[in-house]
PDB file of N, CA and C in Angstrom:
ATOM      1  N   UNK A   1       8.174  29.410 -47.920  1.00  0.00           N
ATOM      2  CA  UNK A   1       8.650  30.504 -48.743  1.00  0.00           C
ATOM      3  C   UNK A   1       7.621  31.622 -48.898  1.00  0.00           C
ATOM      4  N   UNK A   2       6.486  31.493 -48.221  1.00  0.00           N
ATOM      5  CA  UNK A   2       5.471  32.542 -48.315  1.00  0.00           C
ATOM      6  C   UNK A   2       5.919  33.824 -47.622  1.00  0.00           C
ATOM      7  N   UNK A   3       6.903  33.715 -46.739  1.00  0.00           N
ATOM      8  CA  UNK A   3       7.379  34.898 -46.036  1.00  0.00           C
ATOM      9  C   UNK A   3       8.021  35.896 -46.992  1.00  0.00           C
ATOM     10  N   UNK A   4       8.450  35.429 -48.165  1.00  0.00           N
ATOM     11  CA  UNK A   4       9.036  36.342 -49.146  1.00  0.00           C
ATOM     12  C   UNK A   4       7.997  37.354 -49.612  1.00  0.00           C
ATOM     13  N   UNK A   5       6.727  36.927 -49.686  1.00  0.00           N
ATOM     14  CA  UNK A   5       5.649  37.839 -50.084  1.00  0.00           C
ATOM     15  C   UNK A   5       5.539  38.976 -49.075  1.00  0.00           C
ATOM     16  N   UNK A   6       5.598  38.639 -47.784  1.00  0.00           N
ATOM     17  CA  UNK A   6       5.524  39.661 -46.737  1.00  0.00           C
ATOM     18  C   UNK A   6       6.700  40.615 -46.861  1.00  0.00           C
ATOM     19  N   UNK A   7       7.880  40.088 -47.074  1.00  0.00           N
ATOM     20  CA  UNK A   7       9.076  40.923 -47.187  1.00  0.00           C
ATOM     21  C   UNK A   7       8.987  41.888 -48.364  1.00  0.00           C
ATOM     22  N   UNK A   8       8.512  41.396 -49.495  1.00  0.00           N
ATOM     23  CA  UNK A   8       8.427  42.251 -50.687  1.00  0.00           C
ATOM     24  C   UNK A   8       7.397  43.357 -50.491  1.00  0.00           C
ATOM     25  N   UNK A   9       6.219  42.999 -49.953  1.00  0.00           N
ATOM     26  CA  UNK A   9       5.179  44.017 -49.710  1.00  0.00           C
ATOM     27  C   UNK A   9       5.694  45.063 -48.722  1.00  0.00           C
ATOM     28  N   UNK A  10       6.343  44.608 -47.647  1.00  0.00           N
ATOM     29  CA  UNK A  10       6.852  45.534 -46.636  1.00  0.00           C
ATOM     30  C   UNK A  10       7.956  46.415 -47.194  1.00  0.00           C
ATOM     31  N   UNK A  11       8.829  45.855 -48.002  1.00  0.00           N
ATOM     32  CA  UNK A  11       9.917  46.639 -48.582  1.00  0.00           C
ATOM     33  C   UNK A  11       9.377  47.744 -49.481  1.00  0.00           C
ATOM     34  N   UNK A  12       8.366  47.427 -50.281  1.00  0.00           N
ATOM     35  CA  UNK A  12       7.767  48.436 -51.159  1.00  0.00           C
ATOM     36  C   UNK A  12       7.061  49.516 -50.331  1.00  0.00           C
ATOM     37  N   UNK A  13       6.290  49.091 -49.333  1.00  0.00           N
ATOM     38  CA  UNK A  13       5.556  50.072 -48.523  1.00  0.00           C
ATOM     39  C   UNK A  13       6.484  50.964 -47.705  1.00  0.00           C
ATOM     40  N   UNK A  14       7.625  50.431 -47.264  1.00  0.00           N
ATOM     41  CA  UNK A  14       8.525  51.235 -46.439  1.00  0.00           C
ATOM     42  C   UNK A  14       9.206  52.353 -47.215  1.00  0.00           C
ATOM     43  N   UNK A  15       9.177  52.288 -48.521  1.00  0.00           N
ATOM     44  CA  UNK A  15       9.743  53.388 -49.300  1.00  0.00           C
ATOM     45  C   UNK A  15       8.822  54.603 -49.305  1.00  0.00           C
ATOM     46  N   UNK A  16       7.534  54.396 -49.029  1.00  0.00           N
ATOM     47  CA  UNK A  16       6.573  55.481 -49.106  1.00  0.00           C
ATOM     48  C   UNK A  16       5.927  55.831 -47.772  1.00  0.00           C
ATOM     49  N   UNK A  17       5.931  54.907 -46.826  1.00  0.00           N
ATOM     50  CA  UNK A  17       5.244  55.091 -45.545  1.00  0.00           C
ATOM     51  C   UNK A  17       6.223  54.944 -44.389  1.00  0.00           C
ATOM     52  N   UNK A  18       5.805  55.283 -43.162  1.00  0.00           N
ATOM     53  CA  UNK A  18       6.690  55.131 -41.994  1.00  0.00           C
ATOM     54  C   UNK A  18       6.959  53.662 -41.652  1.00  0.00           C
ATOM     55  N   UNK A  19       7.687  53.448 -40.560  1.00  0.00           N
ATOM     56  CA  UNK A  19       8.121  52.106 -40.180  1.00  0.00           C
ATOM     57  C   UNK A  19       6.948  51.166 -39.953  1.00  0.00           C
ATOM     58  N   UNK A  20       5.820  51.677 -39.485  1.00  0.00           N
ATOM     59  CA  UNK A  20       4.697  50.811 -39.143  1.00  0.00           C
ATOM     60  C   UNK A  20       3.984  50.260 -40.372  1.00  0.00           C
ATOM     61  N   UNK A  21       4.458  50.601 -41.556  1.00  0.00           N
ATOM     62  CA  UNK A  21       3.872  50.015 -42.765  1.00  0.00           C
ATOM     63  C   UNK A  21       4.131  48.514 -42.849  1.00  0.00           C
ATOM     64  N   UNK A  22       5.073  47.999 -42.049  1.00  0.00           N
ATOM     65  CA  UNK A  22       5.276  46.547 -42.000  1.00  0.00           C
ATOM     66  C   UNK A  22       4.023  45.860 -41.479  1.00  0.00           C
ATOM     67  N   UNK A  23       3.310  46.541 -40.581  1.00  0.00           N
ATOM     68  CA  UNK A  23       2.063  45.981 -40.048  1.00  0.00           C
ATOM     69  C   UNK A  23       1.008  45.891 -41.152  1.00  0.00           C
ATOM     70  N   UNK A  24       0.951  46.884 -42.003  1.00  0.00           N
ATOM     71  CA  UNK A  24       0.006  46.864 -43.119  1.00  0.00           C
ATOM     72  C   UNK A  24       0.349  45.714 -44.063  1.00  0.00           C
ATOM     73  N   UNK A  25       1.640  45.544 -44.348  1.00  0.00           N
ATOM     74  CA  UNK A  25       2.067  44.469 -45.248  1.00  0.00           C
ATOM     75  C   UNK A  25       1.711  43.101 -44.687  1.00  0.00           C
ATOM     76  N   UNK A  26       1.981  42.890 -43.409  1.00  0.00           N
ATOM     77  CA  UNK A  26       1.676  41.598 -42.795  1.00  0.00           C
ATOM     78  C   UNK A  26       0.169  41.373 -42.706  1.00  0.00           C
ATOM     79  N   UNK A  27      -0.581  42.424 -42.438  1.00  0.00           N
ATOM     80  CA  UNK A  27      -2.031  42.309 -42.359  1.00  0.00           C
ATOM     81  C   UNK A  27      -2.622  41.937 -43.712  1.00  0.00           C
ATOM     82  N   UNK A  28      -2.149  42.584 -44.770  1.00  0.00           N
ATOM     83  CA  UNK A  28      -2.608  42.259 -46.123  1.00  0.00           C
ATOM     84  C   UNK A  28      -2.266  40.809 -46.460  1.00  0.00           C
ATOM     85  N   UNK A  29      -1.081  40.379 -46.088  1.00  0.00           N
ATOM     86  CA  UNK A  29      -0.672  38.994 -46.311  1.00  0.00           C
ATOM     87  C   UNK A  29      -1.609  38.031 -45.590  1.00  0.00           C
ATOM     88  N   UNK A  30      -1.941  38.329 -44.343  1.00  0.00           N
ATOM     89  CA  UNK A  30      -2.854  37.478 -43.587  1.00  0.00           C
ATOM     90  C   UNK A  30      -4.244  37.425 -44.189  1.00  0.00           C
ATOM     91  N   UNK A  31      -4.683  38.528 -44.778  1.00  0.00           N
ATOM     92  CA  UNK A  31      -5.990  38.553 -45.430  1.00  0.00           C
ATOM     93  C   UNK A  31      -6.022  37.750 -46.731  1.00  0.00           C
ATOM     94  N   UNK A  32      -4.943  37.777 -47.476  1.00  0.00           N
ATOM     95  CA  UNK A  32      -4.951  37.192 -48.810  1.00  0.00           C
ATOM     96  C   UNK A  32      -4.593  35.713 -48.866  1.00  0.00           C
ATOM     97  N   UNK A  33      -3.758  35.242 -47.977  1.00  0.00           N
ATOM     98  CA  UNK A  33      -3.242  33.872 -48.057  1.00  0.00           C
ATOM     99  C   UNK A  33      -3.978  32.977 -47.068  1.00  0.00           C
ATOM    100  N   UNK A  34      -4.512  31.846 -47.556  1.00  0.00           N
ATOM    101  CA  UNK A  34      -5.166  30.863 -46.689  1.00  0.00           C
ATOM    102  C   UNK A  34      -4.119  30.038 -45.961  1.00  0.00           C
ATOM    103  N   UNK A  35      -4.176  30.050 -44.638  1.00  0.00           N
ATOM    104  CA  UNK A  35      -3.240  29.276 -43.830  1.00  0.00           C
ATOM    105  C   UNK A  35      -3.766  29.165 -42.407  1.00  0.00           C
ATOM    106  N   UNK A  36      -3.201  28.253 -41.649  1.00  0.00           N
ATOM    107  CA  UNK A  36      -3.628  28.118 -40.258  1.00  0.00           C
ATOM    108  C   UNK A  36      -2.963  29.206 -39.409  1.00  0.00           C
ATOM    109  N   UNK A  37      -3.436  29.417 -38.177  1.00  0.00           N
ATOM    110  CA  UNK A  37      -2.913  30.519 -37.359  1.00  0.00           C
ATOM    111  C   UNK A  37      -1.417  30.436 -37.091  1.00  0.00           C
ATOM    112  N   UNK A  38      -0.928  29.238 -36.832  1.00  0.00           N
ATOM    113  CA  UNK A  38       0.495  29.079 -36.526  1.00  0.00           C
ATOM    114  C   UNK A  38       1.360  29.494 -37.714  1.00  0.00           C
ATOM    115  N   UNK A  39       0.989  29.039 -38.900  1.00  0.00           N
ATOM    116  CA  UNK A  39       1.753  29.393 -40.094  1.00  0.00           C
ATOM    117  C   UNK A  39       1.623  30.875 -40.432  1.00  0.00           C
ATOM    118  N   UNK A  40       0.454  31.454 -40.175  1.00  0.00           N
ATOM    119  CA  UNK A  40       0.281  32.888 -40.430  1.00  0.00           C
ATOM    120  C   UNK A  40       1.265  33.694 -39.582  1.00  0.00           C
ATOM    121  N   UNK A  41       1.371  33.348 -38.304  1.00  0.00           N
ATOM    122  CA  UNK A  41       2.308  34.059 -37.427  1.00  0.00           C
ATOM    123  C   UNK A  41       3.742  33.826 -37.870  1.00  0.00           C
ATOM    124  N   UNK A  42       4.094  32.577 -38.163  1.00  0.00           N
ATOM    125  CA  UNK A  42       5.478  32.262 -38.545  1.00  0.00           C
ATOM    126  C   UNK A  42       5.880  32.969 -39.835  1.00  0.00           C
ATOM    127  N   UNK A  43       4.999  32.957 -40.834  1.00  0.00           N
ATOM    128  CA  UNK A  43       5.338  33.618 -42.097  1.00  0.00           C
ATOM    129  C   UNK A  43       5.444  35.128 -41.922  1.00  0.00           C
ATOM    130  N   UNK A  44       4.532  35.720 -41.157  1.00  0.00           N
ATOM    131  CA  UNK A  44       4.620  37.159 -40.891  1.00  0.00           C
ATOM    132  C   UNK A  44       5.874  37.518 -40.118  1.00  0.00           C
ATOM    133  N   UNK A  45       6.199  36.700 -39.111  1.00  0.00           N
ATOM    134  CA  UNK A  45       7.393  36.940 -38.306  1.00  0.00           C
ATOM    135  C   UNK A  45       8.654  36.823 -39.158  1.00  0.00           C
ATOM    136  N   UNK A  46       8.773  35.737 -39.900  1.00  0.00           N
ATOM    137  CA  UNK A  46       9.985  35.504 -40.682  1.00  0.00           C
ATOM    138  C   UNK A  46      10.156  36.546 -41.788  1.00  0.00           C
ATOM    139  N   UNK A  47       9.064  36.939 -42.417  1.00  0.00           N
ATOM    140  CA  UNK A  47       9.161  37.932 -43.483  1.00  0.00           C
ATOM    141  C   UNK A  47       9.730  39.251 -43.004  1.00  0.00           C
ATOM    142  N   UNK A  48       9.208  39.746 -41.901  1.00  0.00           N
ATOM    143  CA  UNK A  48       9.668  41.035 -41.386  1.00  0.00           C
ATOM    144  C   UNK A  48      11.007  40.883 -40.666  1.00  0.00           C
ATOM    145  N   UNK A  49      11.201  39.782 -39.951  1.00  0.00           N
ATOM    146  CA  UNK A  49      12.481  39.557 -39.267  1.00  0.00           C
ATOM    147  C   UNK A  49      13.639  39.564 -40.266  1.00  0.00           C
ATOM    148  N   UNK A  50      13.500  38.823 -41.342  1.00  0.00           N
ATOM    149  CA  UNK A  50      14.585  38.741 -42.322  1.00  0.00           C
ATOM    150  C   UNK A  50      14.781  40.082 -43.022  1.00  0.00           C
ATOM    151  N   UNK A  51      13.690  40.778 -43.310  1.00  0.00           N
ATOM    152  CA  UNK A  51      13.812  42.089 -43.950  1.00  0.00           C
ATOM    153  C   UNK A  51      14.536  43.075 -43.042  1.00  0.00           C
ATOM    154  N   UNK A  52      14.068  43.238 -41.813  1.00  0.00           N
ATOM    155  CA  UNK A  52      14.653  44.235 -40.917  1.00  0.00           C
ATOM    156  C   UNK A  52      16.051  43.845 -40.454  1.00  0.00           C
ATOM    157  N   UNK A  53      16.253  42.571 -40.150  1.00  0.00           N
ATOM    158  CA  UNK A  53      17.596  42.145 -39.745  1.00  0.00           C
ATOM    159  C   UNK A  53      18.559  42.281 -40.915  1.00  0.00           C
ATOM    160  N   UNK A  54      18.091  42.008 -42.120  1.00  0.00           N
ATOM    161  CA  UNK A  54      18.941  42.175 -43.298  1.00  0.00           C
ATOM    162  C   UNK A  54      19.335  43.619 -43.530  1.00  0.00           C
ATOM    163  N   UNK A  55      18.385  44.523 -43.386  1.00  0.00           N
ATOM    164  CA  UNK A  55      18.690  45.945 -43.554  1.00  0.00           C
ATOM    165  C   UNK A  55      19.646  46.418 -42.455  1.00  0.00           C
ATOM    166  N   UNK A  56      19.391  45.999 -41.218  1.00  0.00           N
ATOM    167  CA  UNK A  56      20.271  46.382 -40.112  1.00  0.00           C
ATOM    168  C   UNK A  56      21.669  45.788 -40.282  1.00  0.00           C
ATOM    169  N   UNK A  57      21.746  44.566 -40.778  1.00  0.00           N
ATOM    170  CA  UNK A  57      23.043  43.940 -41.027  1.00  0.00           C
ATOM    171  C   UNK A  57      23.788  44.658 -42.147  1.00  0.00           C
ATOM    172  N   UNK A  58      23.056  45.091 -43.162  1.00  0.00           N
ATOM    173  CA  UNK A  58      23.664  45.867 -44.242  1.00  0.00           C
ATOM    174  C   UNK A  58      24.264  47.160 -43.688  1.00  0.00           C
ATOM    175  N   UNK A  59      23.504  47.869 -42.869  1.00  0.00           N
ATOM    176  CA  UNK A  59      24.004  49.111 -42.268  1.00  0.00           C
ATOM    177  C   UNK A  59      25.206  48.808 -41.373  1.00  0.00           C
ATOM    178  N   UNK A  60      25.164  47.684 -40.667  1.00  0.00           N
ATOM    179  CA  UNK A  60      26.272  47.285 -39.802  1.00  0.00           C
ATOM    180  C   UNK A  60      27.561  47.128 -40.607  1.00  0.00           C
ATOM    181  N   UNK A  61      27.490  46.458 -41.741  1.00  0.00           N
ATOM    182  CA  UNK A  61      28.692  46.234 -42.530  1.00  0.00           C
ATOM    183  C   UNK A  61      29.135  47.476 -43.307  1.00  0.00           C
ATOM    184  N   UNK A  62      28.198  48.313 -43.713  1.00  0.00           N
ATOM    185  CA  UNK A  62      28.565  49.521 -44.462  1.00  0.00           C
ATOM    186  C   UNK A  62      29.360  50.482 -43.589  1.00  0.00           C
ATOM    187  N   UNK A  63      28.942  50.647 -42.336  1.00  0.00           N
ATOM    188  CA  UNK A  63      29.688  51.573 -41.476  1.00  0.00           C
ATOM    189  C   UNK A  63      30.622  50.860 -40.513  1.00  0.00           C
ATOM    190  N   UNK A  64      30.968  49.620 -40.846  1.00  0.00           N
ATOM    191  CA  UNK A  64      31.956  48.822 -40.116  1.00  0.00           C
ATOM    192  C   UNK A  64      31.590  48.617 -38.642  1.00  0.00           C
ATOM    193  N   UNK A  65      30.319  48.585 -38.338  1.00  0.00           N
ATOM    194  CA  UNK A  65      29.850  48.273 -36.999  1.00  0.00           C
ATOM    195  C   UNK A  65      29.933  49.401 -35.986  1.00  0.00           C
ATOM    196  N   UNK A  66      30.304  50.590 -36.424  1.00  0.00           N
ATOM    197  CA  UNK A  66      30.467  51.713 -35.504  1.00  0.00           C
ATOM    198  C   UNK A  66      29.129  52.101 -34.873  1.00  0.00           C
ATOM    199  N   UNK A  67      28.110  52.283 -35.696  1.00  0.00           N
ATOM    200  CA  UNK A  67      26.799  52.682 -35.188  1.00  0.00           C
ATOM    201  C   UNK A  67      26.204  51.610 -34.278  1.00  0.00           C
ATOM    202  N   UNK A  68      26.291  50.353 -34.694  1.00  0.00           N
ATOM    203  CA  UNK A  68      25.737  49.265 -33.891  1.00  0.00           C
ATOM    204  C   UNK A  68      26.469  49.146 -32.554  1.00  0.00           C
ATOM    205  N   UNK A  69      27.780  49.350 -32.556  1.00  0.00           N
ATOM    206  CA  UNK A  69      28.529  49.277 -31.298  1.00  0.00           C
ATOM    207  C   UNK A  69      28.152  50.423 -30.365  1.00  0.00           C
ATOM    208  N   UNK A  70      27.932  51.596 -30.922  1.00  0.00           N
ATOM    209  CA  UNK A  70      27.504  52.733 -30.086  1.00  0.00           C
ATOM    210  C   UNK A  70      26.107  52.489 -29.511  1.00  0.00           C
ATOM    211  N   UNK A  71      25.203  51.932 -30.337  1.00  0.00           N
ATOM    212  CA  UNK A  71      23.873  51.592 -29.829  1.00  0.00           C
ATOM    213  C   UNK A  71      23.962  50.536 -28.738  1.00  0.00           C
ATOM    214  N   UNK A  72      24.808  49.542 -28.936  1.00  0.00           N
ATOM    215  CA  UNK A  72      24.980  48.488 -27.934  1.00  0.00           C
ATOM    216  C   UNK A  72      25.518  49.074 -26.635  1.00  0.00           C
ATOM    217  N   UNK A  73      26.451  50.001 -26.724  1.00  0.00           N
ATOM    218  CA  UNK A  73      26.992  50.643 -25.531  1.00  0.00           C
ATOM    219  C   UNK A  73      25.919  51.447 -24.809  1.00  0.00           C
ATOM    220  N   UNK A  74      25.092  52.168 -25.576  1.00  0.00           N
ATOM    221  CA  UNK A  74      24.018  52.962 -24.963  1.00  0.00           C
ATOM    222  C   UNK A  74      22.993  52.075 -24.269  1.00  0.00           C
ATOM    223  N   UNK A  75      22.727  50.894 -24.843  1.00  0.00           N
ATOM    224  CA  UNK A  75      21.743  49.985 -24.254  1.00  0.00           C
ATOM    225  C   UNK A  75      22.348  49.051 -23.224  1.00  0.00           C
ATOM    226  N   UNK A  76      23.651  49.125 -23.029  1.00  0.00           N
ATOM    227  CA  UNK A  76      24.310  48.268 -22.054  1.00  0.00           C
ATOM    228  C   UNK A  76      24.495  46.841 -22.535  1.00  0.00           C
ATOM    229  N   UNK A  77      24.599  46.654 -23.827  1.00  0.00           N
ATOM    230  CA  UNK A  77      24.777  45.327 -24.402  1.00  0.00           C
ATOM    231  C   UNK A  77      26.259  45.084 -24.686  1.00  0.00           C
ATOM    232  N   UNK A  78      26.701  43.836 -24.566  1.00  0.00           N
ATOM    233  CA  UNK A  78      28.133  43.569 -24.738  1.00  0.00           C
ATOM    234  C   UNK A  78      28.613  43.539 -26.187  1.00  0.00           C
ATOM    235  N   UNK A  79      27.748  43.213 -27.137  1.00  0.00           N
ATOM    236  CA  UNK A  79      28.173  43.037 -28.522  1.00  0.00           C
ATOM    237  C   UNK A  79      27.421  43.958 -29.466  1.00  0.00           C
ATOM    238  N   UNK A  80      28.081  44.375 -30.538  1.00  0.00           N
ATOM    239  CA  UNK A  80      27.481  45.286 -31.497  1.00  0.00           C
ATOM    240  C   UNK A  80      26.435  44.647 -32.389  1.00  0.00           C
ATOM    241  N   UNK A  81      26.453  43.329 -32.517  1.00  0.00           N
ATOM    242  CA  UNK A  81      25.461  42.675 -33.361  1.00  0.00           C
ATOM    243  C   UNK A  81      24.124  42.454 -32.645  1.00  0.00           C
ATOM    244  N   UNK A  82      24.093  42.621 -31.342  1.00  0.00           N
ATOM    245  CA  UNK A  82      22.830  42.429 -30.618  1.00  0.00           C
ATOM    246  C   UNK A  82      21.747  43.435 -31.001  1.00  0.00           C
ATOM    247  N   UNK A  83      22.068  44.708 -31.254  1.00  0.00           N
ATOM    248  CA  UNK A  83      21.010  45.604 -31.750  1.00  0.00           C
ATOM    249  C   UNK A  83      20.421  45.156 -33.091  1.00  0.00           C
ATOM    250  N   UNK A  84      21.229  44.528 -33.929  1.00  0.00           N
ATOM    251  CA  UNK A  84      20.728  43.994 -35.198  1.00  0.00           C
ATOM    252  C   UNK A  84      19.704  42.902 -34.924  1.00  0.00           C
ATOM    253  N   UNK A  85      20.028  42.001 -34.004  1.00  0.00           N
ATOM    254  CA  UNK A  85      19.121  40.922 -33.639  1.00  0.00           C
ATOM    255  C   UNK A  85      17.850  41.453 -32.982  1.00  0.00           C
ATOM    256  N   UNK A  86      17.987  42.427 -32.105  1.00  0.00           N
ATOM    257  CA  UNK A  86      16.828  43.020 -31.429  1.00  0.00           C
ATOM    258  C   UNK A  86      15.921  43.725 -32.442  1.00  0.00           C
ATOM    259  N   UNK A  87      16.524  44.394 -33.414  1.00  0.00           N
ATOM    260  CA  UNK A  87      15.751  45.053 -34.465  1.00  0.00           C
ATOM    261  C   UNK A  87      14.923  44.036 -35.239  1.00  0.00           C
ATOM    262  N   UNK A  88      15.548  42.934 -35.626  1.00  0.00           N
ATOM    263  CA  UNK A  88      14.841  41.898 -36.368  1.00  0.00           C
ATOM    264  C   UNK A  88      13.730  41.260 -35.569  1.00  0.00           C
ATOM    265  N   UNK A  89      13.993  40.970 -34.302  1.00  0.00           N
ATOM    266  CA  UNK A  89      12.971  40.326 -33.459  1.00  0.00           C
ATOM    267  C   UNK A  89      11.794  41.253 -33.203  1.00  0.00           C
ATOM    268  N   UNK A  90      12.062  42.524 -32.927  1.00  0.00           N
ATOM    269  CA  UNK A  90      10.949  43.444 -32.661  1.00  0.00           C
ATOM    270  C   UNK A  90      10.083  43.638 -33.903  1.00  0.00           C
ATOM    271  N   UNK A  91      10.699  43.772 -35.057  1.00  0.00           N
ATOM    272  CA  UNK A  91       9.919  43.870 -36.293  1.00  0.00           C
ATOM    273  C   UNK A  91       9.184  42.581 -36.594  1.00  0.00           C
ATOM    274  N   UNK A  92       9.818  41.444 -36.324  1.00  0.00           N
ATOM    275  CA  UNK A  92       9.202  40.148 -36.564  1.00  0.00           C
ATOM    276  C   UNK A  92       7.973  39.914 -35.718  1.00  0.00           C
ATOM    277  N   UNK A  93       8.023  40.347 -34.477  1.00  0.00           N
ATOM    278  CA  UNK A  93       6.843  40.202 -33.598  1.00  0.00           C
ATOM    279  C   UNK A  93       5.677  41.021 -34.132  1.00  0.00           C
ATOM    280  N   UNK A  94       5.958  42.244 -34.561  1.00  0.00           N
ATOM    281  CA  UNK A  94       4.900  43.076 -35.141  1.00  0.00           C
ATOM    282  C   UNK A  94       4.332  42.411 -36.393  1.00  0.00           C
ATOM    283  N   UNK A  95       5.204  41.920 -37.260  1.00  0.00           N
ATOM    284  CA  UNK A  95       4.760  41.273 -38.480  1.00  0.00           C
ATOM    285  C   UNK A  95       3.946  40.016 -38.215  1.00  0.00           C
ATOM    286  N   UNK A  96       4.396  39.208 -37.273  1.00  0.00           N
ATOM    287  CA  UNK A  96       3.678  37.982 -36.948  1.00  0.00           C
ATOM    288  C   UNK A  96       2.299  38.249 -36.372  1.00  0.00           C
ATOM    289  N   UNK A  97       2.208  39.203 -35.459  1.00  0.00           N
ATOM    290  CA  UNK A  97       0.910  39.501 -34.846  1.00  0.00           C
ATOM    291  C   UNK A  97      -0.074  40.090 -35.852  1.00  0.00           C
ATOM    292  N   UNK A  98       0.409  40.931 -36.754  1.00  0.00           N
ATOM    293  CA  UNK A  98      -0.501  41.511 -37.726  1.00  0.00           C
ATOM    294  C   UNK A  98      -0.890  40.526 -38.817  1.00  0.00           C
ATOM    295  N   UNK A  99      -0.001  39.603 -39.164  1.00  0.00           N
ATOM    296  CA  UNK A  99      -0.388  38.556 -40.117  1.00  0.00           C
ATOM    297  C   UNK A  99      -1.457  37.663 -39.497  1.00  0.00           C
ATOM    298  N   UNK A 100      -1.303  37.367 -38.230  1.00  0.00           N
ATOM    299  CA  UNK A 100      -2.307  36.578 -37.514  1.00  0.00           C
ATOM    300  C   UNK A 100      -3.624  37.346 -37.412  1.00  0.00           C
ATOM    301  N   UNK A 101      -3.549  38.646 -37.186  1.00  0.00           N
ATOM    302  CA  UNK A 101      -4.764  39.464 -37.114  1.00  0.00           C
ATOM    303  C   UNK A 101      -5.482  39.516 -38.451  1.00  0.00           C
ATOM    304  N   UNK A 102      -4.742  39.641 -39.543  1.00  0.00           N
ATOM    305  CA  UNK A 102      -5.353  39.641 -40.868  1.00  0.00           C
ATOM    306  C   UNK A 102      -6.012  38.313 -41.186  1.00  0.00           C
ATOM    307  N   UNK A 103      -5.359  37.221 -40.809  1.00  0.00           N
ATOM    308  CA  UNK A 103      -5.930  35.886 -41.011  1.00  0.00           C
ATOM    309  C   UNK A 103      -7.210  35.718 -40.203  1.00  0.00           C
ATOM    310  N   UNK A 104      -7.203  36.181 -38.959  1.00  0.00           N
ATOM    311  CA  UNK A 104      -8.390  36.060 -38.120  1.00  0.00           C
ATOM    312  C   UNK A 104      -9.542  36.922 -38.626  1.00  0.00           C
ATOM    313  N   UNK A 105      -9.243  38.118 -39.114  1.00  0.00           N
ATOM    314  CA  UNK A 105     -10.299  38.961 -39.672  1.00  0.00           C
ATOM    315  C   UNK A 105     -10.927  38.304 -40.892  1.00  0.00           C
ATOM    316  N   UNK A 106     -10.117  37.654 -41.710  1.00  0.00           N
ATOM    317  CA  UNK A 106     -10.655  36.976 -42.880  1.00  0.00           C
ATOM    318  C   UNK A 106     -11.631  35.880 -42.472  1.00  0.00           C
ATOM    319  N   UNK A 107     -11.315  35.146 -41.420  1.00  0.00           N
ATOM    320  CA  UNK A 107     -12.203  34.075 -40.999  1.00  0.00           C
ATOM    321  C   UNK A 107     -13.396  34.580 -40.193  1.00  0.00           C
ATOM    322  N   UNK A 108     -13.339  35.806 -39.711  1.00  0.00           N
ATOM    323  CA  UNK A 108     -14.525  36.420 -39.120  1.00  0.00           C
ATOM    324  C   UNK A 108     -15.476  36.863 -40.238  1.00  0.00           C
ATOM    325  N   UNK A 109     -14.912  37.420 -41.302  1.00  0.00           N
ATOM    326  CA  UNK A 109     -15.734  37.896 -42.414  1.00  0.00           C
ATOM    327  C   UNK A 109     -16.307  36.759 -43.248  1.00  0.00           C
ATOM    328  N   UNK A 110     -15.573  35.662 -43.361  1.00  0.00           N
ATOM    329  CA  UNK A 110     -16.002  34.496 -44.147  1.00  0.00           C
ATOM    330  C   UNK A 110     -16.010  33.256 -43.259  1.00  0.00           C
ATOM    331  N   UNK A 111     -17.042  33.095 -42.416  1.00  0.00           N
ATOM    332  CA  UNK A 111     -17.024  31.997 -41.432  1.00  0.00           C
ATOM    333  C   UNK A 111     -17.129  30.600 -42.042  1.00  0.00           C
ATOM    334  N   UNK A 112     -17.654  30.457 -43.238  1.00  0.00           N
ATOM    335  CA  UNK A 112     -17.745  29.124 -43.846  1.00  0.00           C
ATOM    336  C   UNK A 112     -16.389  28.533 -44.131  1.00  0.00           C
ATOM    337  N   UNK A 113     -15.434  29.364 -44.471  1.00  0.00           N
ATOM    338  CA  UNK A 113     -14.080  28.886 -44.717  1.00  0.00           C
ATOM    339  C   UNK A 113     -13.387  28.464 -43.426  1.00  0.00           C
ATOM    340  N   UNK A 114     -13.811  29.011 -42.302  1.00  0.00           N
ATOM    341  CA  UNK A 114     -13.174  28.692 -41.032  1.00  0.00           C
ATOM    342  C   UNK A 114     -13.366  27.234 -40.653  1.00  0.00           C
ATOM    343  N   UNK A 115     -14.483  26.661 -41.036  1.00  0.00           N
ATOM    344  CA  UNK A 115     -14.724  25.249 -40.725  1.00  0.00           C
ATOM    345  C   UNK A 115     -13.793  24.334 -41.500  1.00  0.00           C
ATOM    346  N   UNK A 116     -13.374  24.753 -42.692  1.00  0.00           N
ATOM    347  CA  UNK A 116     -12.470  23.943 -43.498  1.00  0.00           C
ATOM    348  C   UNK A 116     -11.046  23.978 -42.972  1.00  0.00           C
ATOM    349  N   UNK A 117     -10.627  25.119 -42.406  1.00  0.00           N
ATOM    350  CA  UNK A 117      -9.259  25.264 -41.913  1.00  0.00           C
ATOM    351  C   UNK A 117      -9.238  25.566 -40.429  1.00  0.00           C
ATOM    352  N   UNK A 118      -9.714  24.676 -39.632  1.00  0.00           N
ATOM    353  CA  UNK A 118      -9.741  24.879 -38.185  1.00  0.00           C
ATOM    354  C   UNK A 118      -8.346  24.830 -37.568  1.00  0.00           C
ATOM    355  N   UNK A 119      -7.469  24.041 -38.107  1.00  0.00           N
ATOM    356  CA  UNK A 119      -6.170  23.808 -37.467  1.00  0.00           C
ATOM    357  C   UNK A 119      -5.159  24.815 -37.856  1.00  0.00           C
TER     358      UNK A 119
END
C-alpha cells in the first residue's frame, strides 16, 4: 500500500507542475521510504500506473470513449481502451525508474544503511 504515497504526491504536484512531476514524486518517495530495489520499483510503478490509468479511464468514460477511440485509430490500435493502458504503463515505467533512482541515491549518500538492506 506504499504506492498510495506516490500517487498522492504525484497528484498534488501535477496540479502545479508539468507531466514530468511524477518523476519528482517517485524520486522523493524513493528517498524517504526504506525498501529494497525491487519493492522501490514496484511501488513507484504501481503508484503512477494507477494514477495515470485512473485519470485516463475517467476521461474515457466522461467523453464516452470518443477521444480514446480516435487516439487508437491514429496509432493503429484495434481498441479504444489500449491508449488508456499505454498511458498507465508509460507513466508507471517513469515512476518505477525514478523511485529506484531515489532509493539508490539514498544508499549512496548513507552507505552504512546499505549493508542492512542489501536485498
